[in-house]
Amino acid sequence: MWDTMSASHEKREELHEAYVRELKPAEAHLRNRLSGPGDPQLDGSVESLDAVNEWFLTRIKEPKETETADLPSWWDPARPTAESGVPGSGPFTSSQLELINEVQAYLGEVLTTAIPDAHWVIYKGHKRDFRNGLTMLEVGKGQPLPVRDVVYKEALGMVLSGREVAVDTLSSWVREKLAALE
């Protein structure tokens, strides 16, 4: 991932704009993937997240090292992906990063559907906060939501540590955030 904490203001703006620009195409790509009769339905509801997450948690364990995909804007292209075989490369292949990107875009859609005033912002915290410069979802009350990081962390747990992740992790997180707004 990009080191946005150390990035210039201009670079943060560039990454933010690219992130926001990629959301709709990523959502469309996920909808295309999930267009079969037995696939989860992407209706933008919190309830849909359980089926989407179950599908995601199964697919993220499949690295697909023979397939390459475009890297999401939040991934630093100078950092090799897992399929490169370079020591110190990232934990995911480009196809896994694409999948993470699509699911985090859908999670953002669910949140913006549930919170119509939500909008994407560049996070600004304490000067030593590693999240500085990240694109997050401002929901009005409290800290902005690290949508991408929630999905990325879930994938890390599955791929790196083999940790089991409950299929309701994303929907529970959203419900918790929605309850905090009431």
N, C-alpha and C. Protein backbone atom coordinates (compact mmCIF):
# COMPACT_ATOMS: atom_id res chain seq x y z
N MET A 1 0.84 -1.17 0.00
CA MET A 1 0.00 0.00 0.00
C MET A 1 0.89 1.24 0.00
N TRP A 2 0.28 2.32 -0.43
CA TRP A 2 1.00 3.59 -0.43
C TRP A 2 1.22 4.06 1.01
N ASP A 3 2.33 4.71 1.24
CA ASP A 3 2.61 5.33 2.53
C ASP A 3 2.06 6.75 2.46
N THR A 4 0.78 6.89 2.76
CA THR A 4 0.16 8.21 2.65
C THR A 4 0.57 9.14 3.79
N MET A 5 1.01 8.55 4.89
CA MET A 5 1.44 9.37 6.02
C MET A 5 2.61 10.28 5.63
N SER A 6 3.50 9.76 4.80
CA SER A 6 4.68 10.51 4.37
C SER A 6 4.49 11.20 3.02
N ALA A 7 3.36 10.97 2.39
CA ALA A 7 3.13 11.52 1.05
C ALA A 7 2.87 13.03 1.10
N SER A 8 3.17 13.68 0.00
CA SER A 8 2.89 15.11 -0.12
C SER A 8 1.38 15.32 -0.21
N HIS A 9 0.97 16.55 0.04
CA HIS A 9 -0.45 16.91 -0.07
C HIS A 9 -0.96 16.59 -1.48
N GLU A 10 -0.16 16.89 -2.49
CA GLU A 10 -0.56 16.65 -3.87
C GLU A 10 -0.74 15.16 -4.14
N LYS A 11 0.18 14.34 -3.62
CA LYS A 11 0.08 12.90 -3.82
C LYS A 11 -1.15 12.34 -3.11
N ARG A 12 -1.43 12.83 -1.92
CA ARG A 12 -2.63 12.40 -1.18
C ARG A 12 -3.89 12.73 -1.98
N GLU A 13 -3.94 13.93 -2.54
CA GLU A 13 -5.08 14.34 -3.36
C GLU A 13 -5.23 13.42 -4.58
N GLU A 14 -4.10 13.16 -5.23
CA GLU A 14 -4.09 12.29 -6.42
C GLU A 14 -4.61 10.89 -6.07
N LEU A 15 -4.11 10.33 -4.96
CA LEU A 15 -4.54 8.99 -4.54
C LEU A 15 -6.02 8.97 -4.14
N HIS A 16 -6.46 10.02 -3.47
CA HIS A 16 -7.86 10.12 -3.07
C HIS A 16 -8.77 10.16 -4.30
N GLU A 17 -8.43 11.00 -5.25
CA GLU A 17 -9.24 11.11 -6.47
C GLU A 17 -9.27 9.79 -7.24
N ALA A 18 -8.14 9.11 -7.32
CA ALA A 18 -8.10 7.82 -8.00
C ALA A 18 -8.95 6.78 -7.27
N TYR A 19 -8.87 6.78 -5.95
CA TYR A 19 -9.66 5.85 -5.14
C TYR A 19 -11.15 6.05 -5.40
N VAL A 20 -11.60 7.28 -5.30
CA VAL A 20 -13.02 7.57 -5.49
C VAL A 20 -13.45 7.24 -6.92
N ARG A 21 -12.60 7.55 -7.89
CA ARG A 21 -12.90 7.28 -9.29
C ARG A 21 -13.04 5.77 -9.55
N GLU A 22 -12.29 4.94 -8.80
CA GLU A 22 -12.32 3.49 -9.00
C GLU A 22 -13.52 2.79 -8.35
N LEU A 23 -14.23 3.47 -7.47
CA LEU A 23 -15.29 2.80 -6.71
C LEU A 23 -16.38 2.21 -7.61
N LYS A 24 -16.97 3.01 -8.47
CA LYS A 24 -18.07 2.54 -9.33
C LYS A 24 -17.62 1.41 -10.26
N PRO A 25 -16.46 1.54 -10.95
CA PRO A 25 -16.01 0.43 -11.78
C PRO A 25 -15.76 -0.85 -10.98
N ALA A 26 -15.24 -0.72 -9.76
CA ALA A 26 -15.00 -1.90 -8.93
C ALA A 26 -16.32 -2.55 -8.53
N GLU A 27 -17.30 -1.74 -8.19
CA GLU A 27 -18.63 -2.27 -7.86
C GLU A 27 -19.23 -2.98 -9.08
N ALA A 28 -19.08 -2.37 -10.25
CA ALA A 28 -19.62 -2.97 -11.48
C ALA A 28 -18.93 -4.31 -11.78
N HIS A 29 -17.62 -4.37 -11.56
CA HIS A 29 -16.88 -5.61 -11.80
C HIS A 29 -17.35 -6.69 -10.85
N LEU A 30 -17.58 -6.34 -9.59
CA LEU A 30 -18.09 -7.33 -8.63
C LEU A 30 -19.49 -7.79 -9.03
N ARG A 31 -20.33 -6.88 -9.47
CA ARG A 31 -21.67 -7.26 -9.92
C ARG A 31 -21.59 -8.22 -11.12
N ASN A 32 -20.63 -7.97 -11.99
CA ASN A 32 -20.45 -8.86 -13.13
C ASN A 32 -20.01 -10.24 -12.67
N ARG A 33 -19.10 -10.30 -11.71
CA ARG A 33 -18.64 -11.58 -11.16
C ARG A 33 -19.79 -12.35 -10.53
N LEU A 34 -20.67 -11.62 -9.87
CA LEU A 34 -21.75 -12.24 -9.11
C LEU A 34 -23.08 -12.16 -9.84
N SER A 35 -23.07 -12.51 -11.10
CA SER A 35 -24.29 -12.41 -11.90
C SER A 35 -24.95 -13.77 -12.15
N GLY A 36 -24.38 -14.82 -11.57
CA GLY A 36 -24.95 -16.16 -11.75
C GLY A 36 -26.15 -16.41 -10.87
N PRO A 37 -26.91 -17.45 -11.18
CA PRO A 37 -28.13 -17.73 -10.42
C PRO A 37 -27.92 -18.04 -8.94
N GLY A 38 -26.81 -18.64 -8.55
CA GLY A 38 -26.59 -18.97 -7.15
C GLY A 38 -25.72 -17.97 -6.40
N ASP A 39 -25.35 -16.89 -7.08
CA ASP A 39 -24.45 -15.91 -6.48
C ASP A 39 -25.20 -14.96 -5.54
N PRO A 40 -24.47 -14.36 -4.60
CA PRO A 40 -25.09 -13.37 -3.72
C PRO A 40 -25.68 -12.21 -4.52
N GLN A 41 -26.76 -11.66 -4.00
CA GLN A 41 -27.41 -10.52 -4.64
C GLN A 41 -26.87 -9.23 -4.05
N LEU A 42 -26.40 -8.36 -4.90
CA LEU A 42 -25.83 -7.09 -4.46
C LEU A 42 -26.90 -6.00 -4.53
N ASP A 43 -27.68 -5.90 -3.47
CA ASP A 43 -28.77 -4.93 -3.45
C ASP A 43 -28.45 -3.69 -2.61
N GLY A 44 -27.21 -3.60 -2.13
CA GLY A 44 -26.81 -2.44 -1.36
C GLY A 44 -27.25 -2.47 0.10
N SER A 45 -27.84 -3.58 0.53
CA SER A 45 -28.34 -3.67 1.90
C SER A 45 -27.28 -4.23 2.84
N VAL A 46 -27.41 -3.91 4.12
CA VAL A 46 -26.52 -4.45 5.13
C VAL A 46 -26.65 -5.98 5.15
N GLU A 47 -27.87 -6.47 4.98
CA GLU A 47 -28.12 -7.91 5.01
C GLU A 47 -27.38 -8.64 3.89
N SER A 48 -27.16 -8.00 2.76
CA SER A 48 -26.48 -8.65 1.63
C SER A 48 -25.01 -8.92 1.93
N LEU A 49 -24.45 -8.22 2.91
CA LEU A 49 -23.03 -8.35 3.20
C LEU A 49 -22.64 -9.75 3.67
N ASP A 50 -23.53 -10.45 4.36
CA ASP A 50 -23.18 -11.79 4.84
C ASP A 50 -22.91 -12.75 3.68
N ALA A 51 -23.79 -12.76 2.69
CA ALA A 51 -23.59 -13.65 1.54
C ALA A 51 -22.38 -13.21 0.71
N VAL A 52 -22.21 -11.90 0.55
CA VAL A 52 -21.05 -11.39 -0.20
C VAL A 52 -19.77 -11.75 0.54
N ASN A 53 -19.77 -11.59 1.85
CA ASN A 53 -18.57 -11.87 2.63
C ASN A 53 -18.26 -13.36 2.64
N GLU A 54 -19.27 -14.20 2.69
CA GLU A 54 -19.03 -15.65 2.63
C GLU A 54 -18.37 -16.01 1.31
N TRP A 55 -18.87 -15.44 0.22
CA TRP A 55 -18.30 -15.65 -1.11
C TRP A 55 -16.86 -15.14 -1.14
N PHE A 56 -16.63 -13.94 -0.62
CA PHE A 56 -15.31 -13.32 -0.61
C PHE A 56 -14.31 -14.15 0.20
N LEU A 57 -14.69 -14.58 1.38
CA LEU A 57 -13.79 -15.33 2.25
C LEU A 57 -13.36 -16.65 1.62
N THR A 58 -14.20 -17.22 0.81
CA THR A 58 -13.84 -18.43 0.07
C THR A 58 -12.87 -18.10 -1.05
N ARG A 59 -13.14 -17.05 -1.80
CA ARG A 59 -12.32 -16.68 -2.97
C ARG A 59 -10.96 -16.09 -2.60
N ILE A 60 -10.88 -15.39 -1.48
CA ILE A 60 -9.61 -14.72 -1.15
C ILE A 60 -8.52 -15.73 -0.84
N LYS A 61 -8.88 -16.94 -0.48
CA LYS A 61 -7.88 -17.97 -0.19
C LYS A 61 -7.29 -18.58 -1.46
N GLU A 62 -7.86 -18.25 -2.61
CA GLU A 62 -7.39 -18.76 -3.89
C GLU A 62 -6.51 -17.71 -4.56
N PRO A 63 -5.19 -17.84 -4.46
CA PRO A 63 -4.31 -16.76 -4.92
C PRO A 63 -4.30 -16.51 -6.43
N LYS A 64 -4.60 -17.48 -7.27
CA LYS A 64 -4.62 -17.30 -8.73
C LYS A 64 -3.34 -16.66 -9.24
N GLU A 65 -2.23 -17.29 -8.94
CA GLU A 65 -0.93 -16.73 -9.29
C GLU A 65 -0.67 -16.67 -10.79
N THR A 66 -1.46 -17.40 -11.57
CA THR A 66 -1.26 -17.36 -13.02
C THR A 66 -2.04 -16.22 -13.66
N GLU A 67 -2.99 -15.64 -12.93
CA GLU A 67 -3.75 -14.51 -13.45
C GLU A 67 -3.18 -13.22 -12.89
N THR A 68 -3.12 -12.21 -13.72
CA THR A 68 -2.75 -10.90 -13.21
C THR A 68 -3.91 -9.96 -13.44
N ALA A 69 -4.04 -9.02 -12.55
CA ALA A 69 -5.12 -8.04 -12.63
C ALA A 69 -4.52 -6.66 -12.44
N ASP A 70 -5.28 -5.66 -12.83
CA ASP A 70 -4.84 -4.29 -12.58
C ASP A 70 -4.80 -4.04 -11.08
N LEU A 71 -3.79 -3.33 -10.65
CA LEU A 71 -3.66 -3.02 -9.23
C LEU A 71 -4.59 -1.87 -8.86
N PRO A 72 -5.21 -1.94 -7.69
CA PRO A 72 -6.03 -0.81 -7.24
C PRO A 72 -5.14 0.40 -6.96
N SER A 73 -5.73 1.57 -7.02
CA SER A 73 -4.95 2.80 -6.83
C SER A 73 -4.33 2.90 -5.45
N TRP A 74 -4.88 2.22 -4.47
CA TRP A 74 -4.34 2.29 -3.10
C TRP A 74 -3.12 1.38 -2.91
N TRP A 75 -2.79 0.58 -3.90
CA TRP A 75 -1.61 -0.28 -3.82
C TRP A 75 -0.45 0.39 -4.54
N ASP A 76 0.68 0.51 -3.88
CA ASP A 76 1.87 1.12 -4.48
C ASP A 76 2.43 0.15 -5.53
N PRO A 77 2.40 0.53 -6.81
CA PRO A 77 2.88 -0.38 -7.85
C PRO A 77 4.36 -0.71 -7.74
N ALA A 78 5.11 0.06 -6.97
CA ALA A 78 6.53 -0.25 -6.77
C ALA A 78 6.71 -1.44 -5.81
N ARG A 79 5.66 -1.78 -5.07
CA ARG A 79 5.74 -2.92 -4.16
C ARG A 79 5.25 -4.16 -4.91
N PRO A 80 6.12 -5.16 -5.06
CA PRO A 80 5.72 -6.36 -5.80
C PRO A 80 4.59 -7.11 -5.12
N THR A 81 3.75 -7.71 -5.92
CA THR A 81 2.67 -8.53 -5.39
C THR A 81 3.16 -9.97 -5.22
N ALA A 82 2.37 -10.79 -4.56
CA ALA A 82 2.79 -12.15 -4.20
C ALA A 82 3.18 -13.00 -5.41
N GLU A 83 2.54 -12.80 -6.54
CA GLU A 83 2.86 -13.65 -7.69
C GLU A 83 4.24 -13.37 -8.28
N SER A 84 4.86 -12.25 -7.87
CA SER A 84 6.18 -11.92 -8.40
C SER A 84 7.26 -12.85 -7.87
N GLY A 85 7.03 -13.40 -6.69
CA GLY A 85 8.02 -14.29 -6.09
C GLY A 85 9.23 -13.56 -5.52
N VAL A 86 9.20 -12.24 -5.54
CA VAL A 86 10.30 -11.44 -5.02
C VAL A 86 10.24 -11.45 -3.49
N PRO A 87 11.38 -11.69 -2.83
CA PRO A 87 11.38 -11.64 -1.36
C PRO A 87 10.87 -10.29 -0.87
N GLY A 88 10.02 -10.32 0.14
CA GLY A 88 9.47 -9.09 0.69
C GLY A 88 8.27 -8.56 -0.09
N SER A 89 7.78 -9.34 -1.04
CA SER A 89 6.63 -8.89 -1.82
C SER A 89 5.39 -8.88 -0.94
N GLY A 90 4.35 -8.25 -1.42
CA GLY A 90 3.10 -8.14 -0.67
C GLY A 90 2.47 -9.49 -0.40
N PRO A 91 1.54 -9.52 0.53
CA PRO A 91 0.91 -10.79 0.90
C PRO A 91 -0.11 -11.31 -0.10
N PHE A 92 -0.51 -10.46 -1.04
CA PHE A 92 -1.57 -10.84 -1.97
C PHE A 92 -1.11 -10.77 -3.42
N THR A 93 -1.74 -11.58 -4.25
CA THR A 93 -1.53 -11.49 -5.69
C THR A 93 -2.36 -10.31 -6.20
N SER A 94 -2.10 -9.91 -7.43
CA SER A 94 -2.87 -8.81 -8.00
C SER A 94 -4.34 -9.17 -8.12
N SER A 95 -4.65 -10.44 -8.39
CA SER A 95 -6.06 -10.83 -8.48
C SER A 95 -6.74 -10.79 -7.11
N GLN A 96 -6.00 -11.11 -6.05
CA GLN A 96 -6.56 -10.99 -4.71
C GLN A 96 -6.77 -9.51 -4.33
N LEU A 97 -5.84 -8.65 -4.72
CA LEU A 97 -6.01 -7.22 -4.46
C LEU A 97 -7.22 -6.67 -5.20
N GLU A 98 -7.42 -7.15 -6.41
CA GLU A 98 -8.59 -6.72 -7.18
C GLU A 98 -9.87 -7.14 -6.45
N LEU A 99 -9.89 -8.34 -5.93
CA LEU A 99 -11.05 -8.84 -5.20
C LEU A 99 -11.29 -8.01 -3.93
N ILE A 100 -10.24 -7.72 -3.19
CA ILE A 100 -10.35 -6.87 -2.00
C ILE A 100 -10.92 -5.51 -2.40
N ASN A 101 -10.42 -4.96 -3.48
CA ASN A 101 -10.87 -3.65 -3.95
C ASN A 101 -12.36 -3.67 -4.29
N GLU A 102 -12.81 -4.71 -4.94
CA GLU A 102 -14.23 -4.81 -5.31
C GLU A 102 -15.12 -4.93 -4.08
N VAL A 103 -14.72 -5.75 -3.13
CA VAL A 103 -15.53 -5.95 -1.93
C VAL A 103 -15.53 -4.69 -1.06
N GLN A 104 -14.40 -4.01 -0.96
CA GLN A 104 -14.39 -2.78 -0.17
C GLN A 104 -15.23 -1.70 -0.86
N ALA A 105 -15.26 -1.69 -2.17
CA ALA A 105 -16.11 -0.73 -2.89
C ALA A 105 -17.58 -1.02 -2.60
N TYR A 106 -17.94 -2.30 -2.58
CA TYR A 106 -19.33 -2.66 -2.26
C TYR A 106 -19.66 -2.31 -0.81
N LEU A 107 -18.74 -2.55 0.10
CA LEU A 107 -18.96 -2.17 1.50
C LEU A 107 -19.20 -0.66 1.58
N GLY A 108 -18.44 0.11 0.83
CA GLY A 108 -18.66 1.56 0.77
C GLY A 108 -20.04 1.90 0.22
N GLU A 109 -20.48 1.16 -0.78
CA GLU A 109 -21.82 1.38 -1.34
C GLU A 109 -22.89 1.11 -0.28
N VAL A 110 -22.73 0.02 0.45
CA VAL A 110 -23.70 -0.31 1.51
C VAL A 110 -23.76 0.81 2.54
N LEU A 111 -22.61 1.30 2.93
CA LEU A 111 -22.57 2.38 3.92
C LEU A 111 -23.17 3.68 3.39
N THR A 112 -22.87 4.04 2.16
CA THR A 112 -23.41 5.29 1.62
C THR A 112 -24.91 5.16 1.32
N THR A 113 -25.39 3.94 1.12
CA THR A 113 -26.83 3.73 0.97
C THR A 113 -27.51 3.91 2.33
N ALA A 114 -26.89 3.37 3.37
CA ALA A 114 -27.46 3.46 4.72
C ALA A 114 -27.29 4.85 5.33
N ILE A 115 -26.26 5.58 4.91
CA ILE A 115 -25.96 6.91 5.46
C ILE A 115 -25.83 7.87 4.27
N PRO A 116 -26.96 8.39 3.79
CA PRO A 116 -26.93 9.20 2.56
C PRO A 116 -25.99 10.41 2.60
N ASP A 117 -25.73 10.96 3.77
CA ASP A 117 -24.83 12.12 3.86
C ASP A 117 -23.36 11.75 3.92
N ALA A 118 -23.06 10.46 3.93
CA ALA A 118 -21.66 10.01 3.99
C ALA A 118 -20.92 10.45 2.73
N HIS A 119 -19.64 10.75 2.89
CA HIS A 119 -18.82 11.14 1.74
C HIS A 119 -17.36 10.78 2.01
N TRP A 120 -16.62 10.59 0.94
CA TRP A 120 -15.23 10.17 1.02
C TRP A 120 -14.34 11.38 1.30
N VAL A 121 -13.43 11.22 2.25
CA VAL A 121 -12.52 12.29 2.66
C VAL A 121 -11.10 11.76 2.79
N ILE A 122 -10.16 12.67 2.83
CA ILE A 122 -8.78 12.32 3.14
C ILE A 122 -8.62 12.49 4.64
N TYR A 123 -8.25 11.41 5.29
CA TYR A 123 -8.13 11.44 6.75
C TYR A 123 -6.99 12.33 7.19
N LYS A 124 -7.28 13.15 8.20
CA LYS A 124 -6.26 14.03 8.78
C LYS A 124 -6.34 13.86 10.29
N GLY A 125 -5.31 13.28 10.85
CA GLY A 125 -5.25 13.07 12.29
C GLY A 125 -3.96 13.65 12.84
N HIS A 126 -3.56 13.14 13.98
CA HIS A 126 -2.29 13.56 14.60
C HIS A 126 -1.17 13.33 13.59
N LYS A 127 -0.14 14.15 13.64
CA LYS A 127 0.93 14.06 12.63
C LYS A 127 1.61 12.70 12.60
N ARG A 128 1.55 11.93 13.67
CA ARG A 128 2.18 10.60 13.69
C ARG A 128 1.19 9.47 13.44
N ASP A 129 -0.03 9.81 13.10
CA ASP A 129 -1.07 8.81 12.86
C ASP A 129 -0.82 8.17 11.49
N PHE A 130 -0.62 6.87 11.47
CA PHE A 130 -0.32 6.16 10.22
C PHE A 130 -1.46 6.24 9.21
N ARG A 131 -2.64 6.59 9.65
CA ARG A 131 -3.80 6.68 8.74
C ARG A 131 -3.85 8.01 7.99
N ASN A 132 -3.02 8.97 8.35
CA ASN A 132 -3.03 10.26 7.66
C ASN A 132 -2.91 10.05 6.16
N GLY A 133 -3.79 10.72 5.44
CA GLY A 133 -3.75 10.65 3.98
C GLY A 133 -4.60 9.55 3.38
N LEU A 134 -5.11 8.63 4.20
CA LEU A 134 -5.95 7.56 3.66
C LEU A 134 -7.32 8.10 3.30
N THR A 135 -7.92 7.52 2.29
CA THR A 135 -9.30 7.87 1.96
C THR A 135 -10.21 7.05 2.87
N MET A 136 -11.08 7.77 3.57
CA MET A 136 -12.02 7.13 4.49
C MET A 136 -13.40 7.73 4.26
N LEU A 137 -14.40 7.07 4.85
CA LEU A 137 -15.78 7.51 4.68
C LEU A 137 -16.21 8.33 5.89
N GLU A 138 -16.46 9.60 5.66
CA GLU A 138 -16.94 10.51 6.70
C GLU A 138 -18.45 10.28 6.84
N VAL A 139 -18.89 9.96 8.05
CA VAL A 139 -20.30 9.65 8.26
C VAL A 139 -21.00 10.66 9.16
N GLY A 140 -20.30 11.69 9.56
CA GLY A 140 -20.92 12.76 10.32
C GLY A 140 -20.53 12.80 11.78
N LYS A 141 -20.54 11.69 12.43
CA LYS A 141 -20.29 11.64 13.86
C LYS A 141 -19.11 10.70 14.11
N GLY A 142 -18.16 11.13 14.91
CA GLY A 142 -17.02 10.27 15.21
C GLY A 142 -15.97 10.29 14.12
N GLN A 143 -15.05 9.35 14.20
CA GLN A 143 -13.96 9.23 13.23
C GLN A 143 -14.49 8.74 11.87
N PRO A 144 -13.86 9.14 10.79
CA PRO A 144 -14.21 8.57 9.48
C PRO A 144 -13.96 7.06 9.50
N LEU A 145 -14.68 6.34 8.66
CA LEU A 145 -14.61 4.88 8.65
C LEU A 145 -13.56 4.39 7.65
N PRO A 146 -12.65 3.50 8.09
CA PRO A 146 -11.61 2.96 7.22
C PRO A 146 -12.12 1.77 6.41
N VAL A 147 -12.97 2.02 5.46
CA VAL A 147 -13.67 0.97 4.73
C VAL A 147 -12.70 -0.04 4.11
N ARG A 148 -11.73 0.44 3.36
CA ARG A 148 -10.78 -0.45 2.71
C ARG A 148 -10.04 -1.31 3.73
N ASP A 149 -9.61 -0.68 4.81
CA ASP A 149 -8.81 -1.39 5.81
C ASP A 149 -9.58 -2.51 6.49
N VAL A 150 -10.88 -2.37 6.64
CA VAL A 150 -11.69 -3.42 7.26
C VAL A 150 -11.65 -4.68 6.40
N VAL A 151 -11.82 -4.53 5.10
CA VAL A 151 -11.80 -5.68 4.19
C VAL A 151 -10.38 -6.22 4.06
N TYR A 152 -9.40 -5.33 3.96
CA TYR A 152 -8.01 -5.75 3.82
C TYR A 152 -7.57 -6.55 5.05
N LYS A 153 -7.92 -6.08 6.23
CA LYS A 153 -7.55 -6.76 7.47
C LYS A 153 -8.20 -8.14 7.55
N GLU A 154 -9.43 -8.23 7.12
CA GLU A 154 -10.13 -9.51 7.10
C GLU A 154 -9.40 -10.49 6.17
N ALA A 155 -9.01 -10.00 5.00
CA ALA A 155 -8.29 -10.84 4.04
C ALA A 155 -6.93 -11.26 4.59
N LEU A 156 -6.23 -10.33 5.25
CA LEU A 156 -4.94 -10.67 5.85
C LEU A 156 -5.08 -11.81 6.85
N GLY A 157 -6.10 -11.74 7.68
CA GLY A 157 -6.33 -12.78 8.66
C GLY A 157 -6.53 -14.14 8.02
N MET A 158 -7.26 -14.17 6.94
CA MET A 158 -7.52 -15.43 6.24
C MET A 158 -6.27 -15.97 5.55
N VAL A 159 -5.59 -15.11 4.82
CA VAL A 159 -4.49 -15.54 3.97
C VAL A 159 -3.20 -15.78 4.76
N LEU A 160 -2.83 -14.84 5.61
CA LEU A 160 -1.55 -14.96 6.31
C LEU A 160 -1.59 -15.87 7.52
N SER A 161 -2.65 -15.75 8.31
CA SER A 161 -2.66 -16.54 9.54
C SER A 161 -3.62 -17.71 9.49
N GLY A 162 -4.38 -17.81 8.43
CA GLY A 162 -5.33 -18.91 8.32
C GLY A 162 -6.46 -18.81 9.34
N ARG A 163 -6.61 -17.61 9.90
CA ARG A 163 -7.64 -17.37 10.91
C ARG A 163 -9.03 -17.46 10.28
N GLU A 164 -9.92 -18.10 10.98
CA GLU A 164 -11.31 -18.15 10.51
C GLU A 164 -11.96 -16.79 10.77
N VAL A 165 -12.72 -16.33 9.82
CA VAL A 165 -13.42 -15.06 9.93
C VAL A 165 -14.90 -15.35 9.78
N ALA A 166 -15.70 -14.84 10.70
CA ALA A 166 -17.15 -15.04 10.64
C ALA A 166 -17.72 -14.32 9.43
N VAL A 167 -18.67 -14.93 8.77
CA VAL A 167 -19.25 -14.31 7.58
C VAL A 167 -20.02 -13.03 7.91
N ASP A 168 -20.42 -12.86 9.16
CA ASP A 168 -21.15 -11.64 9.52
C ASP A 168 -20.23 -10.52 10.01
N THR A 169 -18.93 -10.67 9.81
CA THR A 169 -17.98 -9.65 10.28
C THR A 169 -18.28 -8.28 9.68
N LEU A 170 -18.48 -8.21 8.39
CA LEU A 170 -18.72 -6.91 7.75
C LEU A 170 -20.08 -6.34 8.14
N SER A 171 -21.11 -7.17 8.12
CA SER A 171 -22.45 -6.66 8.47
C SER A 171 -22.50 -6.24 9.93
N SER A 172 -21.83 -6.97 10.80
CA SER A 172 -21.79 -6.58 12.22
C SER A 172 -21.07 -5.25 12.40
N TRP A 173 -19.98 -5.08 11.67
CA TRP A 173 -19.23 -3.82 11.73
C TRP A 173 -20.11 -2.66 11.28
N VAL A 174 -20.84 -2.85 10.18
CA VAL A 174 -21.72 -1.79 9.67
C VAL A 174 -22.83 -1.50 10.68
N ARG A 175 -23.44 -2.54 11.21
CA ARG A 175 -24.51 -2.32 12.20
C ARG A 175 -23.99 -1.56 13.42
N GLU A 176 -22.80 -1.89 13.85
CA GLU A 176 -22.19 -1.20 14.99
C GLU A 176 -21.98 0.29 14.66
N LYS A 177 -21.49 0.57 13.46
CA LYS A 177 -21.25 1.96 13.06
C LYS A 177 -22.57 2.72 12.91
N LEU A 178 -23.58 2.05 12.38
CA LEU A 178 -24.89 2.70 12.23
C LEU A 178 -25.51 2.98 13.59
N ALA A 179 -25.37 2.04 14.52
CA ALA A 179 -25.92 2.24 15.88
C ALA A 179 -25.24 3.42 16.57
N ALA A 180 -23.95 3.60 16.32
CA ALA A 180 -23.23 4.71 16.94
C ALA A 180 -23.70 6.07 16.43
N LEU A 181 -24.34 6.09 15.29
CA LEU A 181 -24.82 7.33 14.72
C LEU A 181 -26.21 7.75 15.25
N GLU A 182 -26.87 6.81 15.90
CA GLU A 182 -28.23 7.10 16.39
C GLU A 182 -28.22 7.89 17.66
